[in-house]
Amino acid sequence: MARTSVTFDSAGIELAGHLYVPDAPAAGPRPAVVVGHPGTGVKEQAAGLYAGRLAEQGFVALAFDSAFQGESGGLPRGLEDPAHRVEDLKAAVTFLTTRGEVDADRIGALGICASGGYVLSATGGDHRIKAVATVSGVDIARQFRFGADGAQDLAVFQGMLDAAAQARTAAALGVEPAVLPIFPETAEQAGALGGEHGVEGFEYYCTPRGAHERSAKFFVWESVDKMAAFDAFHAVPLIGDRPLLQIVGTRAVTSWMAVEVHQRAVGPKELHWIEGASHVDLYDKRECVDPAVARLTGFYTARLGAAG
């Protein structure tokens, strides 16, 4: 498997990606999969892991940094713009259609965590995506509004909207606005704020387990009001008869969102549970990733054709 650094355009912003191509020779162009990273993540983390594993199975795979984050362009840095995240995925599909090693009629998409929501929206509006899958998929807007477990007091998000409004006003007056920190200083603080899910996120993003220097540690407050009216699941029925696979851990507090997506989907759909896995376990723990990749391989092979 060879990994090549690539760049491509997304609505005027240059995105940085890693293109994974199998080593074994192929009789012709291969099926390909676009892989989106979690919120705050970068292509070198979970997205790159899954892209590399899919390339080992014979697929061309593209992992990339979203606009405003990682090695990709765009200002302000740390902006999480749901609409642009969807556009980034479509731009990644466009890039793959220009590659000689890719069969443009056999492109799938995979979204991890927040990209699990974005990829559903992208697929609903882009018929070039022939099959879509998610791993620990969430709608980041729902997560901010209702909490990871869906039980957050609605007043919390209203307070965040107050802060977002104040930040916009401060910027207009020439004052450097504050930013929204994503992680606290310690795992204990993460647990107090977000329970076990918060601790797991801290351990992945803020310790040697998964930390990366370009992984976002804050969002600009403008991100919050952009999330307020976004609904990643609105386009799920538009996926139509294209197949949908969702891979979820039985211990994931975010699994209620995958259940909602499953209920909204109108075509071939599967909700595949990984026993004993939490939301973050599926990012990198081999005992969870291995069965996930096996199921993804079978899914994409069935819809996109053999990867040889």
Protein backbone atom coordinates (compact mmCIF):
# COMPACT_ATOMS: atom_id res chain seq x y z
CA MET A 1 0.00 0.00 0.00
CA ALA A 2 1.37 3.41 -1.01
CA ARG A 3 0.39 6.69 0.65
CA THR A 4 0.72 9.88 -1.37
CA SER A 5 0.14 13.46 -0.22
CA VAL A 6 -2.38 15.23 -2.46
CA THR A 7 -4.26 18.53 -2.58
CA PHE A 8 -7.58 19.47 -4.14
CA ASP A 9 -10.03 22.36 -4.16
CA SER A 10 -13.17 22.67 -2.05
CA ALA A 11 -15.17 25.81 -2.86
CA GLY A 12 -11.99 27.85 -3.28
CA ILE A 13 -10.10 26.37 -0.31
CA GLU A 14 -7.19 23.99 -0.83
CA LEU A 15 -7.58 20.75 1.10
CA ALA A 16 -4.71 18.46 2.05
CA GLY A 17 -5.19 14.72 1.79
CA HIS A 18 -3.51 11.36 1.84
CA LEU A 19 -4.33 9.02 -1.04
CA TYR A 20 -3.90 5.33 -0.23
CA VAL A 21 -3.41 3.00 -3.21
CA PRO A 22 -2.98 -0.79 -2.96
CA ASP A 23 0.38 -2.21 -3.95
CA ALA A 24 -1.00 -5.20 -5.84
CA PRO A 25 -1.50 -4.66 -9.58
CA ALA A 26 -5.07 -4.32 -10.82
CA ALA A 27 -6.66 -5.24 -14.12
CA GLY A 28 -8.22 -1.77 -14.36
CA PRO A 29 -9.44 1.19 -12.31
CA ARG A 30 -10.36 0.29 -8.74
CA PRO A 31 -13.32 1.13 -6.53
CA ALA A 32 -12.55 3.94 -4.11
CA VAL A 33 -13.74 5.25 -0.75
CA VAL A 34 -13.63 8.82 0.61
CA VAL A 35 -12.99 8.80 4.38
CA GLY A 36 -13.98 11.75 6.56
CA HIS A 37 -12.40 12.41 9.97
CA PRO A 38 -14.11 13.03 13.33
CA GLY A 39 -14.74 16.54 14.60
CA THR A 40 -11.39 18.02 15.79
CA GLY A 41 -9.61 15.13 14.07
CA VAL A 42 -7.06 15.11 11.24
CA LYS A 43 -6.28 12.71 8.42
CA GLU A 44 -3.39 11.15 10.35
CA GLN A 45 -5.72 9.79 13.05
CA ALA A 46 -8.80 7.52 12.73
CA ALA A 47 -9.57 8.52 9.13
CA GLY A 48 -6.08 7.56 8.00
CA LEU A 49 -6.23 4.30 9.92
CA TYR A 50 -9.44 3.24 8.18
CA ALA A 51 -8.27 4.51 4.79
CA GLY A 52 -5.08 2.48 5.10
CA ARG A 53 -6.96 -0.63 6.16
CA LEU A 54 -9.35 -0.32 3.21
CA ALA A 55 -6.39 0.07 0.85
CA GLU A 56 -5.02 -3.19 2.24
CA GLN A 57 -8.28 -4.75 1.08
CA GLY A 58 -7.78 -3.45 -2.47
CA PHE A 59 -9.68 -0.15 -2.43
CA VAL A 60 -8.23 3.24 -3.27
CA ALA A 61 -8.96 5.40 -0.22
CA LEU A 62 -8.71 9.13 0.41
CA ALA A 63 -8.43 10.67 3.88
CA PHE A 64 -8.21 14.45 4.10
CA ASP A 65 -8.29 17.40 6.47
CA SER A 66 -11.44 19.48 6.42
CA ALA A 67 -11.29 23.15 5.49
CA PHE A 68 -10.09 25.48 8.27
CA GLN A 69 -8.36 22.58 10.07
CA GLY A 70 -5.25 20.39 9.91
CA GLU A 71 -3.01 21.04 6.89
CA SER A 72 -5.89 22.35 4.79
CA GLY A 73 -6.43 26.03 4.07
CA GLY A 74 -9.18 28.37 5.17
CA LEU A 75 -9.66 31.13 7.73
CA PRO A 76 -10.47 31.44 10.55
CA ARG A 77 -8.57 28.46 11.85
CA GLY A 78 -10.66 26.19 14.02
CA LEU A 79 -13.92 26.87 12.20
CA GLU A 80 -16.31 23.91 12.17
CA ASP A 81 -18.67 24.80 9.34
CA PRO A 82 -21.14 21.94 8.76
CA ALA A 83 -22.14 23.13 5.29
CA HIS A 84 -18.50 23.36 4.22
CA ARG A 85 -17.71 19.97 5.75
CA VAL A 86 -20.37 18.49 3.46
CA GLU A 87 -18.89 20.38 0.51
CA ASP A 88 -15.43 19.01 1.40
CA LEU A 89 -16.71 15.45 1.04
CA LYS A 90 -18.24 16.18 -2.35
CA ALA A 91 -14.98 17.84 -3.41
CA ALA A 92 -13.10 14.72 -2.35
CA VAL A 93 -15.38 12.64 -4.57
CA THR A 94 -14.70 15.04 -7.44
CA PHE A 95 -10.96 14.65 -6.89
CA LEU A 96 -11.23 10.86 -7.04
CA THR A 97 -13.13 11.02 -10.34
CA THR A 98 -10.03 12.65 -11.89
CA ARG A 99 -7.68 9.86 -10.83
CA GLY A 100 -6.78 7.25 -13.40
CA GLU A 101 -6.53 4.48 -10.80
CA VAL A 102 -10.14 5.08 -9.71
CA ASP A 103 -13.34 3.86 -11.36
CA ALA A 104 -15.52 6.97 -11.15
CA ASP A 105 -18.66 4.82 -11.20
CA ARG A 106 -17.56 2.90 -8.11
CA ILE A 107 -17.01 5.46 -5.36
CA GLY A 108 -18.22 5.02 -1.80
CA ALA A 109 -17.96 7.15 1.32
CA LEU A 110 -17.15 6.51 4.97
CA GLY A 111 -17.69 8.97 7.80
CA ILE A 112 -16.30 8.59 11.31
CA CYS A 113 -17.96 10.38 14.24
CA ALA A 114 -18.96 13.88 13.04
CA SER A 115 -18.15 12.93 9.46
CA GLY A 116 -20.67 10.15 9.89
CA GLY A 117 -23.35 12.83 9.88
CA TYR A 118 -21.73 14.95 7.19
CA VAL A 119 -21.31 11.98 4.85
CA LEU A 120 -25.02 11.18 5.04
CA SER A 121 -25.85 14.73 4.02
CA ALA A 122 -23.27 14.63 1.22
CA THR A 123 -24.56 11.30 -0.08
CA GLY A 124 -28.15 12.51 -0.08
CA GLY A 125 -27.18 15.29 -2.49
CA ASP A 126 -24.47 13.57 -4.55
CA HIS A 127 -25.47 10.57 -6.66
CA ARG A 128 -21.82 9.83 -7.48
CA ILE A 129 -21.57 8.20 -4.04
CA LYS A 130 -22.84 4.67 -4.60
CA ALA A 131 -22.61 3.35 -1.04
CA VAL A 132 -22.23 5.07 2.32
CA ALA A 133 -21.07 3.82 5.70
CA THR A 134 -20.46 5.34 9.10
CA VAL A 135 -18.40 4.36 12.13
CA SER A 136 -19.58 5.83 15.45
CA GLY A 137 -21.54 8.28 13.33
CA VAL A 138 -23.10 11.38 14.88
CA ASP A 139 -24.65 14.65 13.84
CA ILE A 140 -22.32 17.13 15.52
CA ALA A 141 -25.12 19.70 15.64
CA ARG A 142 -27.34 17.29 17.59
CA GLN A 143 -24.44 16.50 19.88
CA PHE A 144 -23.89 20.17 20.66
CA ARG A 145 -27.61 20.83 21.10
CA PHE A 146 -28.55 17.73 23.09
CA GLY A 147 -25.26 16.28 24.38
CA ALA A 148 -23.52 13.06 23.43
CA ASP A 149 -26.14 11.02 25.28
CA GLY A 150 -29.10 13.14 24.14
CA ALA A 151 -29.93 14.21 27.70
CA GLN A 152 -28.26 17.63 27.92
CA ASP A 153 -30.28 20.53 29.32
CA LEU A 154 -31.38 22.71 26.40
CA ALA A 155 -30.17 25.77 28.32
CA VAL A 156 -26.56 24.67 27.76
CA PHE A 157 -26.72 25.23 24.03
CA GLN A 158 -28.63 28.48 24.47
CA GLY A 159 -25.75 29.71 26.61
CA MET A 160 -23.31 28.72 23.88
CA LEU A 161 -25.34 30.70 21.36
CA ASP A 162 -25.07 33.71 23.68
CA ALA A 163 -21.29 33.34 23.66
CA ALA A 164 -21.24 32.93 19.88
CA ALA A 165 -23.24 36.12 19.42
CA GLN A 166 -20.92 38.03 21.73
CA ALA A 167 -17.88 36.75 19.81
CA ARG A 168 -19.30 38.02 16.51
CA THR A 169 -19.91 41.45 18.03
CA ALA A 170 -16.43 41.55 19.56
CA ALA A 171 -14.85 40.75 16.19
CA ALA A 172 -16.85 43.52 14.53
CA LEU A 173 -15.53 45.97 17.12
CA GLY A 174 -11.95 44.92 16.47
CA VAL A 175 -11.59 42.88 19.66
CA GLU A 176 -10.01 39.44 19.44
CA PRO A 177 -12.90 37.11 20.31
CA ALA A 178 -12.54 34.22 22.69
CA VAL A 179 -12.54 30.64 21.38
CA LEU A 180 -14.40 27.53 22.50
CA PRO A 181 -11.91 25.07 24.03
CA ILE A 182 -12.71 21.47 23.09
CA PHE A 183 -10.82 19.67 25.84
CA PRO A 184 -10.18 20.54 29.49
CA GLU A 185 -6.78 20.28 31.14
CA THR A 186 -7.13 16.82 32.71
CA ALA A 187 -8.97 13.55 32.25
CA GLU A 188 -10.69 14.15 35.60
CA GLN A 189 -12.11 17.44 34.35
CA ALA A 190 -13.18 15.71 31.13
CA GLY A 191 -15.04 13.13 33.18
CA ALA A 192 -16.77 15.79 35.26
CA LEU A 193 -17.96 17.50 32.09
CA GLY A 194 -18.74 14.53 29.87
CA GLY A 195 -18.63 11.34 31.91
CA GLU A 196 -16.98 8.25 30.45
CA HIS A 197 -17.43 9.58 26.91
CA GLY A 198 -15.55 12.75 27.85
CA VAL A 199 -12.71 10.78 29.42
CA GLU A 200 -12.39 8.58 26.34
CA GLY A 201 -12.23 11.60 24.06
CA PHE A 202 -9.54 13.17 26.23
CA GLU A 203 -7.50 9.96 26.28
CA TYR A 204 -7.60 9.68 22.50
CA TYR A 205 -6.96 13.30 21.53
CA CYS A 206 -4.81 14.49 24.41
CA THR A 207 -2.49 11.58 25.21
CA PRO A 208 0.06 9.65 23.14
CA ARG A 209 -2.69 7.16 22.27
CA GLY A 210 -3.99 9.33 19.44
CA ALA A 211 -2.82 12.93 19.90
CA HIS A 212 -1.63 14.84 16.85
CA GLU A 213 -0.16 18.33 16.80
CA ARG A 214 -2.61 19.53 14.13
CA SER A 215 -5.72 18.05 15.72
CA ALA A 216 -8.03 20.93 16.69
CA LYS A 217 -8.02 21.87 20.37
CA PHE A 218 -10.60 24.65 19.97
CA PHE A 219 -13.39 25.86 17.71
CA VAL A 220 -14.05 29.49 16.95
CA TRP A 221 -17.41 30.48 18.42
CA GLU A 222 -18.82 31.12 14.95
CA SER A 223 -18.93 27.33 14.62
CA VAL A 224 -21.70 27.12 17.20
CA ASP A 225 -24.27 29.31 15.46
CA LYS A 226 -23.49 27.56 12.17
CA MET A 227 -24.49 24.33 13.89
CA ALA A 228 -27.70 25.78 15.28
CA ALA A 229 -29.76 25.34 12.11
CA PHE A 230 -27.86 22.36 10.65
CA ASP A 231 -29.44 18.90 10.47
CA ALA A 232 -27.14 16.20 9.11
CA PHE A 233 -29.97 13.67 9.02
CA HIS A 234 -32.44 15.71 6.98
CA ALA A 235 -31.09 14.28 3.71
CA VAL A 236 -31.12 10.62 4.80
CA PRO A 237 -34.29 9.77 2.83
CA LEU A 238 -32.60 11.24 -0.28
CA ILE A 239 -30.04 8.44 -0.14
CA GLY A 240 -32.88 6.37 -1.55
CA ASP A 241 -32.00 2.86 -2.67
CA ARG A 242 -28.26 3.28 -2.24
CA PRO A 243 -27.08 1.05 0.63
CA LEU A 244 -26.30 2.41 4.09
CA LEU A 245 -24.19 0.66 6.73
CA GLN A 246 -23.76 2.05 10.23
CA ILE A 247 -21.21 0.49 12.58
CA VAL A 248 -21.79 1.29 16.23
CA GLY A 249 -20.41 0.08 19.55
CA THR A 250 -22.87 -1.44 21.99
CA ARG A 251 -21.42 0.82 24.73
CA ALA A 252 -21.49 4.02 22.66
CA VAL A 253 -23.53 6.72 24.40
CA THR A 254 -24.02 8.32 20.97
CA SER A 255 -25.75 5.27 19.48
CA TRP A 256 -29.20 6.89 19.74
CA MET A 257 -28.28 8.98 16.71
CA ALA A 258 -27.48 5.91 14.60
CA VAL A 259 -30.84 4.45 15.59
CA GLU A 260 -32.56 7.64 14.41
CA VAL A 261 -30.74 7.46 11.07
CA HIS A 262 -31.70 3.80 10.66
CA GLN A 263 -35.34 4.72 11.20
CA ARG A 264 -35.15 7.52 8.62
CA ALA A 265 -33.42 5.49 5.89
CA VAL A 266 -35.73 4.24 3.15
CA GLY A 267 -33.41 1.92 1.21
CA PRO A 268 -31.13 -1.01 2.04
CA LYS A 269 -29.78 -0.40 5.52
CA GLU A 270 -27.87 -2.19 8.25
CA LEU A 271 -27.11 -1.20 11.83
CA HIS A 272 -24.10 -3.33 12.73
CA TRP A 273 -23.15 -3.51 16.41
CA ILE A 274 -19.63 -4.17 17.70
CA GLU A 275 -20.08 -5.92 21.04
CA GLY A 276 -18.45 -4.17 24.00
CA ALA A 277 -17.14 -1.21 22.00
CA SER A 278 -17.58 2.39 23.04
CA HIS A 279 -17.80 5.33 20.63
CA VAL A 280 -14.06 6.08 20.78
CA ASP A 281 -12.94 2.42 20.89
CA LEU A 282 -13.83 2.24 17.20
CA TYR A 283 -11.28 4.96 16.39
CA ASP A 284 -8.21 2.83 16.98
CA LYS A 285 -8.55 -0.24 19.21
CA ARG A 286 -7.66 -3.22 17.07
CA GLU A 287 -10.17 -5.58 18.68
CA CYS A 288 -12.89 -3.14 17.58
CA VAL A 289 -11.40 -1.85 14.31
CA ASP A 290 -10.71 -5.32 12.89
CA PRO A 291 -14.37 -6.47 12.84
CA ALA A 292 -15.44 -3.03 11.65
CA VAL A 293 -13.04 -3.17 8.69
CA ALA A 294 -14.17 -6.71 7.89
CA ARG A 295 -17.79 -5.58 7.73
CA LEU A 296 -16.88 -2.48 5.69
CA THR A 297 -14.92 -4.60 3.22
CA GLY A 298 -17.87 -6.90 2.64
CA PHE A 299 -20.24 -3.95 2.34
CA TYR A 300 -18.20 -2.00 -0.22
CA THR A 301 -17.33 -5.13 -2.18
CA ALA A 302 -21.01 -6.05 -2.49
CA ARG A 303 -21.98 -2.58 -3.76
CA LEU A 304 -18.85 -1.31 -5.55
CA GLY A 305 -17.53 -4.61 -6.82
CA ALA A 306 -14.38 -6.55 -6.14
CA ALA A 307 -11.33 -4.45 -5.36
CA GLY A 308 -8.87 -6.44 -7.44
